[in-house]
Amino acid sequence: MEKVVSKMPEKLIVDGYNLIYASDDLKTLMRDDIEAARNRLLAELEEYCAREERTAEVVFDAGGRPGPASSEDRSSVLKVTFTAEGQSADSYIEKLAYRDAGEPSGSVLLVTGDYDQQKIAAGAGLLRISSREFLIEMRESRELTVEDARRRAGRPWRVTLGSRLPDDVKAALDRFRRHQ
């Protein structure tokens, strides 16, 4: 199975709601329970980042929540940011793009379906991928991991005591067993 992006950068900037709306399942869940949709997305991203040894900052619009922007390190691989009151995720992401413009070329990837944001990322020297393409990348990563686990499951993985004993001890035990 071929991956959409052969070598993904180590750091991702993700437009959270844009990625939710690119997924039919998450979009459907979002209609009923916005918090559940966000949590499922974050859990999937966290698993992906851990599996692929990447980090991500996911940005959500404040959505009417008063106060300044707030960020939380959900884990060592995932940071979640809600923008400040009156600030769009797009404007926050633009600041991140230019902040990260100094990073080595190809080390930061913006995940969004917003064409204007993709142009800004390109102008800042960041890589970019559409939300739909990234969902494919996440799915393929998960499938490859499952395939690898199945392949390994067919191999003997248990270590027996007999396989760890020196030959002279095995011979002595075998003599002892025969004389019983």
N, C-alpha and C. Protein backbone atom coordinates (compact mmCIF):
# COMPACT_ATOMS: atom_id res chain seq x y z
N MET A 1 0.85 -1.17 0.00
CA MET A 1 0.00 0.00 0.00
C MET A 1 0.89 1.23 0.00
N GLU A 2 0.70 2.12 -0.95
CA GLU A 2 1.52 3.32 -1.07
C GLU A 2 0.93 4.46 -0.26
N LYS A 3 1.79 5.18 0.42
CA LYS A 3 1.34 6.31 1.23
C LYS A 3 1.14 7.54 0.35
N VAL A 4 0.22 8.42 0.78
CA VAL A 4 -0.04 9.65 0.06
C VAL A 4 1.19 10.54 0.07
N VAL A 5 1.82 10.69 1.21
CA VAL A 5 3.02 11.50 1.37
C VAL A 5 4.12 10.56 1.81
N SER A 6 5.20 10.49 1.04
CA SER A 6 6.22 9.50 1.32
C SER A 6 6.93 9.74 2.66
N LYS A 7 7.29 10.96 2.94
CA LYS A 7 7.95 11.26 4.21
C LYS A 7 7.27 12.47 4.81
N MET A 8 6.45 12.22 5.82
CA MET A 8 5.72 13.31 6.46
C MET A 8 6.66 14.07 7.37
N PRO A 9 6.49 15.39 7.45
CA PRO A 9 7.29 16.19 8.37
C PRO A 9 7.05 15.79 9.82
N GLU A 10 7.97 16.21 10.68
CA GLU A 10 7.88 15.86 12.09
C GLU A 10 6.78 16.63 12.82
N LYS A 11 6.45 17.82 12.34
CA LYS A 11 5.50 18.67 13.05
C LYS A 11 4.32 19.01 12.13
N LEU A 12 3.12 18.88 12.70
CA LEU A 12 1.90 19.20 11.96
C LEU A 12 1.18 20.36 12.63
N ILE A 13 0.62 21.25 11.82
CA ILE A 13 -0.32 22.26 12.29
C ILE A 13 -1.64 21.88 11.64
N VAL A 14 -2.67 21.66 12.46
CA VAL A 14 -3.94 21.12 11.96
C VAL A 14 -5.08 22.08 12.23
N ASP A 15 -5.83 22.40 11.18
CA ASP A 15 -7.06 23.18 11.31
C ASP A 15 -8.13 22.18 11.75
N GLY A 16 -8.43 22.17 13.05
CA GLY A 16 -9.27 21.15 13.66
C GLY A 16 -10.65 20.99 13.04
N TYR A 17 -11.40 22.07 12.97
CA TYR A 17 -12.76 21.96 12.43
C TYR A 17 -12.74 21.63 10.95
N ASN A 18 -11.75 22.12 10.23
CA ASN A 18 -11.64 21.81 8.82
C ASN A 18 -11.44 20.31 8.62
N LEU A 19 -10.63 19.70 9.47
CA LEU A 19 -10.40 18.26 9.38
C LEU A 19 -11.65 17.48 9.78
N ILE A 20 -12.37 17.96 10.78
CA ILE A 20 -13.63 17.31 11.17
C ILE A 20 -14.61 17.32 10.00
N TYR A 21 -14.76 18.47 9.35
CA TYR A 21 -15.73 18.58 8.25
C TYR A 21 -15.30 17.82 7.00
N ALA A 22 -14.04 17.43 6.91
CA ALA A 22 -13.58 16.63 5.78
C ALA A 22 -13.90 15.15 5.98
N SER A 23 -14.22 14.76 7.20
CA SER A 23 -14.53 13.37 7.52
C SER A 23 -16.04 13.20 7.65
N ASP A 24 -16.61 12.32 6.85
CA ASP A 24 -18.06 12.10 6.92
C ASP A 24 -18.50 11.65 8.31
N ASP A 25 -17.72 10.74 8.92
CA ASP A 25 -18.09 10.23 10.25
C ASP A 25 -18.05 11.34 11.31
N LEU A 26 -16.96 12.10 11.30
CA LEU A 26 -16.83 13.17 12.31
C LEU A 26 -17.83 14.29 12.07
N LYS A 27 -18.09 14.58 10.80
CA LYS A 27 -19.06 15.63 10.48
C LYS A 27 -20.45 15.24 10.98
N THR A 28 -20.81 13.97 10.82
CA THR A 28 -22.09 13.48 11.31
C THR A 28 -22.14 13.57 12.84
N LEU A 29 -21.08 13.14 13.50
CA LEU A 29 -21.01 13.21 14.96
C LEU A 29 -21.08 14.66 15.43
N MET A 30 -20.47 15.55 14.68
CA MET A 30 -20.43 16.98 15.04
C MET A 30 -21.84 17.56 15.13
N ARG A 31 -22.73 17.10 14.28
CA ARG A 31 -24.11 17.61 14.30
C ARG A 31 -24.80 17.31 15.62
N ASP A 32 -24.45 16.16 16.21
CA ASP A 32 -25.08 15.73 17.47
C ASP A 32 -24.32 16.17 18.71
N ASP A 33 -22.99 16.14 18.63
CA ASP A 33 -22.19 16.39 19.82
C ASP A 33 -20.81 16.91 19.42
N ILE A 34 -20.65 18.22 19.44
CA ILE A 34 -19.41 18.86 19.00
C ILE A 34 -18.22 18.41 19.84
N GLU A 35 -18.43 18.26 21.14
CA GLU A 35 -17.34 17.85 22.03
C GLU A 35 -16.88 16.42 21.70
N ALA A 36 -17.82 15.54 21.43
CA ALA A 36 -17.47 14.16 21.08
C ALA A 36 -16.70 14.11 19.76
N ALA A 37 -17.11 14.93 18.80
CA ALA A 37 -16.41 14.97 17.52
C ALA A 37 -14.97 15.46 17.71
N ARG A 38 -14.81 16.52 18.49
CA ARG A 38 -13.45 17.03 18.75
C ARG A 38 -12.61 15.97 19.47
N ASN A 39 -13.19 15.34 20.48
CA ASN A 39 -12.44 14.33 21.24
C ASN A 39 -12.04 13.14 20.38
N ARG A 40 -12.92 12.70 19.48
CA ARG A 40 -12.58 11.57 18.61
C ARG A 40 -11.46 11.97 17.66
N LEU A 41 -11.56 13.19 17.09
CA LEU A 41 -10.50 13.66 16.21
C LEU A 41 -9.17 13.71 16.96
N LEU A 42 -9.18 14.28 18.16
CA LEU A 42 -7.95 14.40 18.93
C LEU A 42 -7.37 13.03 19.27
N ALA A 43 -8.22 12.08 19.61
CA ALA A 43 -7.74 10.73 19.93
C ALA A 43 -7.10 10.09 18.69
N GLU A 44 -7.72 10.26 17.53
CA GLU A 44 -7.17 9.69 16.30
C GLU A 44 -5.85 10.35 15.93
N LEU A 45 -5.78 11.67 16.09
CA LEU A 45 -4.54 12.38 15.80
C LEU A 45 -3.43 11.99 16.77
N GLU A 46 -3.79 11.83 18.02
CA GLU A 46 -2.80 11.44 19.02
C GLU A 46 -2.22 10.06 18.71
N GLU A 47 -3.08 9.12 18.34
CA GLU A 47 -2.62 7.79 17.96
C GLU A 47 -1.73 7.86 16.73
N TYR A 48 -2.17 8.63 15.75
CA TYR A 48 -1.39 8.78 14.51
C TYR A 48 0.00 9.35 14.82
N CYS A 49 0.04 10.43 15.57
CA CYS A 49 1.32 11.07 15.89
C CYS A 49 2.23 10.14 16.67
N ALA A 50 1.70 9.40 17.61
CA ALA A 50 2.50 8.46 18.38
C ALA A 50 3.05 7.36 17.47
N ARG A 51 2.19 6.86 16.59
CA ARG A 51 2.57 5.79 15.67
C ARG A 51 3.65 6.26 14.69
N GLU A 52 3.50 7.48 14.20
CA GLU A 52 4.38 8.00 13.15
C GLU A 52 5.51 8.88 13.69
N GLU A 53 5.61 8.99 15.01
CA GLU A 53 6.66 9.79 15.66
C GLU A 53 6.66 11.23 15.16
N ARG A 54 5.48 11.86 15.28
CA ARG A 54 5.30 13.25 14.90
C ARG A 54 4.63 13.99 16.05
N THR A 55 4.61 15.31 15.95
CA THR A 55 3.84 16.12 16.89
C THR A 55 2.84 16.94 16.10
N ALA A 56 1.78 17.35 16.78
CA ALA A 56 0.76 18.16 16.10
C ALA A 56 0.23 19.21 17.05
N GLU A 57 -0.08 20.37 16.49
CA GLU A 57 -0.84 21.39 17.20
C GLU A 57 -2.15 21.53 16.44
N VAL A 58 -3.24 21.25 17.12
CA VAL A 58 -4.57 21.33 16.52
C VAL A 58 -5.20 22.63 16.98
N VAL A 59 -5.69 23.42 16.02
CA VAL A 59 -6.26 24.72 16.33
C VAL A 59 -7.76 24.70 16.04
N PHE A 60 -8.53 25.13 17.05
CA PHE A 60 -9.98 25.27 16.92
C PHE A 60 -10.36 26.73 17.14
N ASP A 61 -11.38 27.20 16.42
CA ASP A 61 -11.94 28.53 16.68
C ASP A 61 -12.50 28.55 18.09
N ALA A 62 -12.48 29.73 18.70
CA ALA A 62 -13.00 29.89 20.06
C ALA A 62 -14.49 29.57 20.12
N GLY A 63 -15.20 29.84 19.05
CA GLY A 63 -16.62 29.53 19.01
C GLY A 63 -17.44 30.26 20.05
N GLY A 64 -17.14 31.54 20.26
CA GLY A 64 -17.93 32.32 21.21
C GLY A 64 -17.45 32.22 22.64
N ARG A 65 -16.41 31.41 22.89
CA ARG A 65 -15.87 31.29 24.24
C ARG A 65 -15.11 32.57 24.56
N PRO A 66 -15.43 33.22 25.66
CA PRO A 66 -14.76 34.48 25.99
C PRO A 66 -13.32 34.25 26.46
N GLY A 67 -12.51 35.28 26.32
CA GLY A 67 -11.16 35.24 26.87
C GLY A 67 -10.09 35.07 25.82
N PRO A 68 -8.85 34.97 26.31
CA PRO A 68 -7.70 34.84 25.41
C PRO A 68 -7.58 33.42 24.85
N ALA A 69 -6.67 33.26 23.92
CA ALA A 69 -6.39 31.93 23.38
C ALA A 69 -5.90 31.04 24.52
N SER A 70 -6.23 29.78 24.44
CA SER A 70 -5.75 28.83 25.44
C SER A 70 -5.21 27.60 24.75
N SER A 71 -4.10 27.11 25.27
CA SER A 71 -3.46 25.91 24.72
C SER A 71 -3.26 24.90 25.83
N GLU A 72 -3.35 23.66 25.46
CA GLU A 72 -3.16 22.56 26.41
C GLU A 72 -2.36 21.47 25.73
N ASP A 73 -1.31 21.00 26.40
CA ASP A 73 -0.57 19.84 25.92
C ASP A 73 -1.36 18.61 26.33
N ARG A 74 -2.03 18.01 25.38
CA ARG A 74 -2.83 16.82 25.66
C ARG A 74 -1.94 15.62 25.93
N SER A 75 -0.77 15.62 25.29
CA SER A 75 0.23 14.57 25.50
C SER A 75 1.55 15.10 24.97
N SER A 76 2.56 14.25 24.94
CA SER A 76 3.86 14.69 24.43
C SER A 76 3.83 14.90 22.92
N VAL A 77 2.80 14.38 22.24
CA VAL A 77 2.73 14.52 20.78
C VAL A 77 1.61 15.43 20.30
N LEU A 78 0.73 15.87 21.21
CA LEU A 78 -0.44 16.63 20.76
C LEU A 78 -0.72 17.83 21.65
N LYS A 79 -0.80 18.98 21.00
CA LYS A 79 -1.16 20.23 21.66
C LYS A 79 -2.46 20.72 21.03
N VAL A 80 -3.38 21.18 21.88
CA VAL A 80 -4.68 21.67 21.43
C VAL A 80 -4.80 23.14 21.79
N THR A 81 -5.18 23.95 20.80
CA THR A 81 -5.33 25.39 21.02
C THR A 81 -6.71 25.84 20.61
N PHE A 82 -7.37 26.60 21.49
CA PHE A 82 -8.61 27.29 21.16
C PHE A 82 -8.24 28.77 21.03
N THR A 83 -8.64 29.38 19.92
CA THR A 83 -8.26 30.77 19.67
C THR A 83 -8.93 31.71 20.66
N ALA A 84 -8.46 32.95 20.68
CA ALA A 84 -9.03 33.97 21.55
C ALA A 84 -10.40 34.39 21.03
N GLU A 85 -11.17 34.97 21.91
CA GLU A 85 -12.49 35.50 21.53
C GLU A 85 -12.30 36.45 20.35
N GLY A 86 -13.08 36.24 19.29
CA GLY A 86 -13.02 37.11 18.12
C GLY A 86 -11.89 36.78 17.15
N GLN A 87 -11.06 35.80 17.48
CA GLN A 87 -9.95 35.41 16.61
C GLN A 87 -10.32 34.13 15.88
N SER A 88 -10.09 34.10 14.58
CA SER A 88 -10.39 32.88 13.82
C SER A 88 -9.21 31.91 13.90
N ALA A 89 -9.52 30.66 13.68
CA ALA A 89 -8.46 29.65 13.62
C ALA A 89 -7.52 30.00 12.46
N ASP A 90 -8.07 30.52 11.37
CA ASP A 90 -7.24 30.87 10.22
C ASP A 90 -6.18 31.90 10.58
N SER A 91 -6.56 32.95 11.32
CA SER A 91 -5.57 33.97 11.67
C SER A 91 -4.54 33.43 12.65
N TYR A 92 -4.96 32.56 13.56
CA TYR A 92 -4.02 31.95 14.50
C TYR A 92 -3.05 31.05 13.74
N ILE A 93 -3.57 30.26 12.81
CA ILE A 93 -2.74 29.35 12.01
C ILE A 93 -1.74 30.15 11.18
N GLU A 94 -2.18 31.29 10.65
CA GLU A 94 -1.27 32.14 9.88
C GLU A 94 -0.09 32.58 10.75
N LYS A 95 -0.36 32.95 12.00
CA LYS A 95 0.73 33.33 12.91
C LYS A 95 1.67 32.15 13.15
N LEU A 96 1.09 30.96 13.34
CA LEU A 96 1.93 29.76 13.54
C LEU A 96 2.78 29.50 12.30
N ALA A 97 2.19 29.68 11.13
CA ALA A 97 2.91 29.42 9.88
C ALA A 97 4.14 30.32 9.79
N TYR A 98 3.97 31.59 10.09
CA TYR A 98 5.11 32.50 10.00
C TYR A 98 6.08 32.31 11.16
N ARG A 99 5.57 31.89 12.30
CA ARG A 99 6.47 31.58 13.42
C ARG A 99 7.37 30.39 13.06
N ASP A 100 6.77 29.39 12.39
CA ASP A 100 7.50 28.18 12.05
C ASP A 100 8.24 28.29 10.72
N ALA A 101 8.16 29.46 10.07
CA ALA A 101 8.83 29.64 8.79
C ALA A 101 10.34 29.47 8.92
N GLY A 102 10.87 29.68 10.11
CA GLY A 102 12.30 29.53 10.32
C GLY A 102 12.75 28.10 10.53
N GLU A 103 11.80 27.18 10.65
CA GLU A 103 12.15 25.77 10.84
C GLU A 103 12.82 25.24 9.57
N PRO A 104 13.59 24.16 9.67
CA PRO A 104 14.21 23.58 8.47
C PRO A 104 13.15 23.25 7.42
N SER A 105 13.50 23.46 6.18
CA SER A 105 12.56 23.24 5.07
C SER A 105 11.99 21.82 5.12
N GLY A 106 10.69 21.73 5.00
CA GLY A 106 10.02 20.44 4.97
C GLY A 106 9.75 19.82 6.32
N SER A 107 10.01 20.54 7.42
CA SER A 107 9.82 19.93 8.73
C SER A 107 8.45 20.25 9.34
N VAL A 108 7.68 21.17 8.73
CA VAL A 108 6.37 21.55 9.25
C VAL A 108 5.35 21.41 8.12
N LEU A 109 4.21 20.82 8.45
CA LEU A 109 3.15 20.59 7.48
C LEU A 109 1.85 21.17 8.00
N LEU A 110 1.18 21.96 7.18
CA LEU A 110 -0.14 22.49 7.53
C LEU A 110 -1.20 21.58 6.94
N VAL A 111 -2.14 21.15 7.78
CA VAL A 111 -3.25 20.30 7.35
C VAL A 111 -4.51 21.16 7.34
N THR A 112 -5.00 21.48 6.14
CA THR A 112 -6.23 22.26 6.00
C THR A 112 -6.76 22.11 4.58
N GLY A 113 -8.04 22.24 4.45
CA GLY A 113 -8.66 22.24 3.14
C GLY A 113 -8.86 23.66 2.63
N ASP A 114 -8.51 24.64 3.44
CA ASP A 114 -8.70 26.04 3.10
C ASP A 114 -7.58 26.48 2.15
N TYR A 115 -7.96 26.79 0.91
CA TYR A 115 -6.97 27.12 -0.11
C TYR A 115 -6.16 28.35 0.26
N ASP A 116 -6.80 29.38 0.83
CA ASP A 116 -6.07 30.58 1.22
C ASP A 116 -5.02 30.27 2.28
N GLN A 117 -5.37 29.40 3.24
CA GLN A 117 -4.41 29.01 4.26
C GLN A 117 -3.25 28.22 3.65
N GLN A 118 -3.55 27.40 2.66
CA GLN A 118 -2.49 26.65 1.98
C GLN A 118 -1.53 27.59 1.26
N LYS A 119 -2.05 28.65 0.65
CA LYS A 119 -1.19 29.64 -0.02
C LYS A 119 -0.30 30.36 1.00
N ILE A 120 -0.88 30.70 2.15
CA ILE A 120 -0.10 31.36 3.20
C ILE A 120 1.02 30.43 3.68
N ALA A 121 0.69 29.17 3.87
CA ALA A 121 1.70 28.20 4.32
C ALA A 121 2.82 28.08 3.29
N ALA A 122 2.45 28.04 2.01
CA ALA A 122 3.46 27.95 0.96
C ALA A 122 4.35 29.18 0.97
N GLY A 123 3.74 30.34 1.17
CA GLY A 123 4.51 31.58 1.24
C GLY A 123 5.46 31.62 2.42
N ALA A 124 5.09 30.94 3.49
CA ALA A 124 5.94 30.90 4.69
C ALA A 124 6.97 29.76 4.60
N GLY A 125 6.90 28.97 3.51
CA GLY A 125 7.86 27.89 3.33
C GLY A 125 7.46 26.58 3.98
N LEU A 126 6.20 26.48 4.42
CA LEU A 126 5.72 25.25 5.02
C LEU A 126 5.14 24.34 3.93
N LEU A 127 5.14 23.07 4.21
CA LEU A 127 4.46 22.13 3.33
C LEU A 127 2.98 22.18 3.66
N ARG A 128 2.14 21.70 2.78
CA ARG A 128 0.71 21.68 3.06
C ARG A 128 0.07 20.47 2.41
N ILE A 129 -1.03 20.06 3.03
CA ILE A 129 -1.79 18.91 2.53
C ILE A 129 -3.25 19.21 2.83
N SER A 130 -4.13 18.77 1.94
CA SER A 130 -5.55 19.00 2.19
C SER A 130 -6.03 18.08 3.31
N SER A 131 -7.11 18.47 3.93
CA SER A 131 -7.67 17.65 5.01
C SER A 131 -8.06 16.27 4.50
N ARG A 132 -8.63 16.20 3.32
CA ARG A 132 -9.04 14.90 2.76
C ARG A 132 -7.82 14.00 2.52
N GLU A 133 -6.76 14.58 1.97
CA GLU A 133 -5.55 13.78 1.74
C GLU A 133 -4.94 13.32 3.06
N PHE A 134 -5.00 14.16 4.06
CA PHE A 134 -4.45 13.79 5.36
C PHE A 134 -5.27 12.68 6.01
N LEU A 135 -6.58 12.70 5.84
CA LEU A 135 -7.42 11.62 6.36
C LEU A 135 -7.02 10.29 5.71
N ILE A 136 -6.69 10.34 4.43
CA ILE A 136 -6.21 9.14 3.73
C ILE A 136 -4.88 8.69 4.33
N GLU A 137 -3.98 9.64 4.58
CA GLU A 137 -2.69 9.33 5.21
C GLU A 137 -2.89 8.66 6.57
N MET A 138 -3.79 9.21 7.37
CA MET A 138 -4.05 8.63 8.70
C MET A 138 -4.61 7.21 8.57
N ARG A 139 -5.55 7.02 7.66
CA ARG A 139 -6.15 5.69 7.47
C ARG A 139 -5.09 4.69 7.01
N GLU A 140 -4.26 5.09 6.03
CA GLU A 140 -3.23 4.19 5.53
C GLU A 140 -2.21 3.85 6.61
N SER A 141 -1.87 4.81 7.43
CA SER A 141 -0.95 4.56 8.54
C SER A 141 -1.52 3.51 9.49
N ARG A 142 -2.81 3.67 9.83
CA ARG A 142 -3.47 2.72 10.72
C ARG A 142 -3.52 1.33 10.07
N GLU A 143 -3.86 1.26 8.78
CA GLU A 143 -3.95 -0.02 8.09
C GLU A 143 -2.60 -0.72 8.02
N LEU A 144 -1.55 0.04 7.75
CA LEU A 144 -0.21 -0.55 7.70
C LEU A 144 0.20 -1.10 9.07
N THR A 145 -0.18 -0.41 10.13
CA THR A 145 0.14 -0.88 11.47
C THR A 145 -0.61 -2.16 11.78
N VAL A 146 -1.88 -2.22 11.38
CA VAL A 146 -2.68 -3.43 11.59
C VAL A 146 -2.10 -4.59 10.78
N GLU A 147 -1.74 -4.32 9.52
CA GLU A 147 -1.13 -5.36 8.68
C GLU A 147 0.15 -5.90 9.32
N ASP A 148 0.98 -4.98 9.79
CA ASP A 148 2.24 -5.37 10.43
C ASP A 148 1.97 -6.22 11.67
N ALA A 149 0.99 -5.85 12.47
CA ALA A 149 0.65 -6.61 13.67
C ALA A 149 0.16 -8.01 13.30
N ARG A 150 -0.63 -8.11 12.25
CA ARG A 150 -1.12 -9.43 11.80
C ARG A 150 0.03 -10.30 11.33
N ARG A 151 0.94 -9.68 10.58
CA ARG A 151 2.10 -10.43 10.07
C ARG A 151 2.95 -10.95 11.24
N ARG A 152 3.13 -10.11 12.23
CA ARG A 152 3.93 -10.52 13.39
C ARG A 152 3.21 -11.56 14.23
N ALA A 153 1.89 -11.51 14.25
CA ALA A 153 1.12 -12.46 15.05
C ALA A 153 1.31 -13.88 14.55
N GLY A 154 1.61 -14.04 13.26
CA GLY A 154 1.81 -15.37 12.69
C GLY A 154 3.16 -15.97 13.06
N ARG A 155 4.05 -15.17 13.56
CA ARG A 155 5.39 -15.64 13.94
C ARG A 155 5.40 -16.06 15.40
N PRO A 156 6.20 -17.05 15.71
CA PRO A 156 6.32 -17.40 17.13
C PRO A 156 7.01 -16.25 17.86
N TRP A 157 6.38 -15.75 18.85
CA TRP A 157 6.96 -14.62 19.57
C TRP A 157 7.33 -14.97 20.99
N ARG A 158 6.84 -16.12 21.46
CA ARG A 158 7.16 -16.50 22.83
C ARG A 158 8.54 -17.14 22.89
N VAL A 159 9.23 -16.83 23.93
CA VAL A 159 10.55 -17.41 24.17
C VAL A 159 10.35 -18.52 25.20
N THR A 160 10.80 -19.72 24.85
CA THR A 160 10.66 -20.84 25.78
C THR A 160 11.93 -20.96 26.61
N LEU A 161 11.81 -21.62 27.74
CA LEU A 161 12.96 -21.83 28.61
C LEU A 161 14.01 -22.66 27.87
N GLY A 162 13.56 -23.66 27.14
CA GLY A 162 14.48 -24.53 26.40
C GLY A 162 15.31 -23.77 25.38
N SER A 163 14.74 -22.75 24.79
CA SER A 163 15.49 -21.99 23.78
C SER A 163 16.54 -21.08 24.41
N ARG A 164 16.46 -20.88 25.72
CA ARG A 164 17.40 -19.98 26.39
C ARG A 164 18.48 -20.72 27.17
N LEU A 165 18.33 -22.04 27.32
CA LEU A 165 19.32 -22.81 28.10
C LEU A 165 20.54 -23.14 27.26
N PRO A 166 21.71 -23.12 27.88
CA PRO A 166 22.93 -23.56 27.17
C PRO A 166 22.81 -25.05 26.83
N ASP A 167 23.50 -25.45 25.78
CA ASP A 167 23.42 -26.84 25.31
C ASP A 167 23.83 -27.86 26.38
N ASP A 168 24.85 -27.55 27.19
CA ASP A 168 25.28 -28.51 28.20
C ASP A 168 24.20 -28.72 29.27
N VAL A 169 23.48 -27.65 29.62
CA VAL A 169 22.40 -27.78 30.60
C VAL A 169 21.25 -28.58 30.00
N LYS A 170 20.93 -28.34 28.73
CA LYS A 170 19.87 -29.11 28.05
C LYS A 170 20.23 -30.59 28.05
N ALA A 171 21.49 -30.90 27.74
CA ALA A 171 21.92 -32.31 27.70
C ALA A 171 21.81 -32.95 29.09
N ALA A 172 22.20 -32.22 30.13
CA ALA A 172 22.13 -32.75 31.50
C ALA A 172 20.67 -32.99 31.89
N LEU A 173 19.80 -32.08 31.57
CA LEU A 173 18.37 -32.25 31.87
C LEU A 173 17.78 -33.41 31.09
N ASP A 174 18.21 -33.59 29.84
CA ASP A 174 17.71 -34.67 29.03
C ASP A 174 18.16 -36.01 29.62
N ARG A 175 19.42 -36.10 30.09
CA ARG A 175 19.93 -37.34 30.73
C ARG A 175 19.12 -37.62 32.00
N PHE A 176 18.86 -36.58 32.78
CA PHE A 176 18.10 -36.73 34.01
C PHE A 176 16.68 -37.25 33.70
N ARG A 177 16.05 -36.70 32.67
CA ARG A 177 14.70 -37.11 32.30
C ARG A 177 14.68 -38.57 31.85
N ARG A 178 15.69 -39.01 31.10
CA ARG A 178 15.74 -40.40 30.63
C ARG A 178 15.96 -41.40 31.76
N HIS A 179 16.62 -40.99 32.81
CA HIS A 179 16.90 -41.91 33.93
C HIS A 179 15.78 -41.90 34.97
N GLN A 180 14.73 -41.19 34.77
CA GLN A 180 13.62 -41.16 35.69
C GLN A 180 12.70 -42.29 35.48
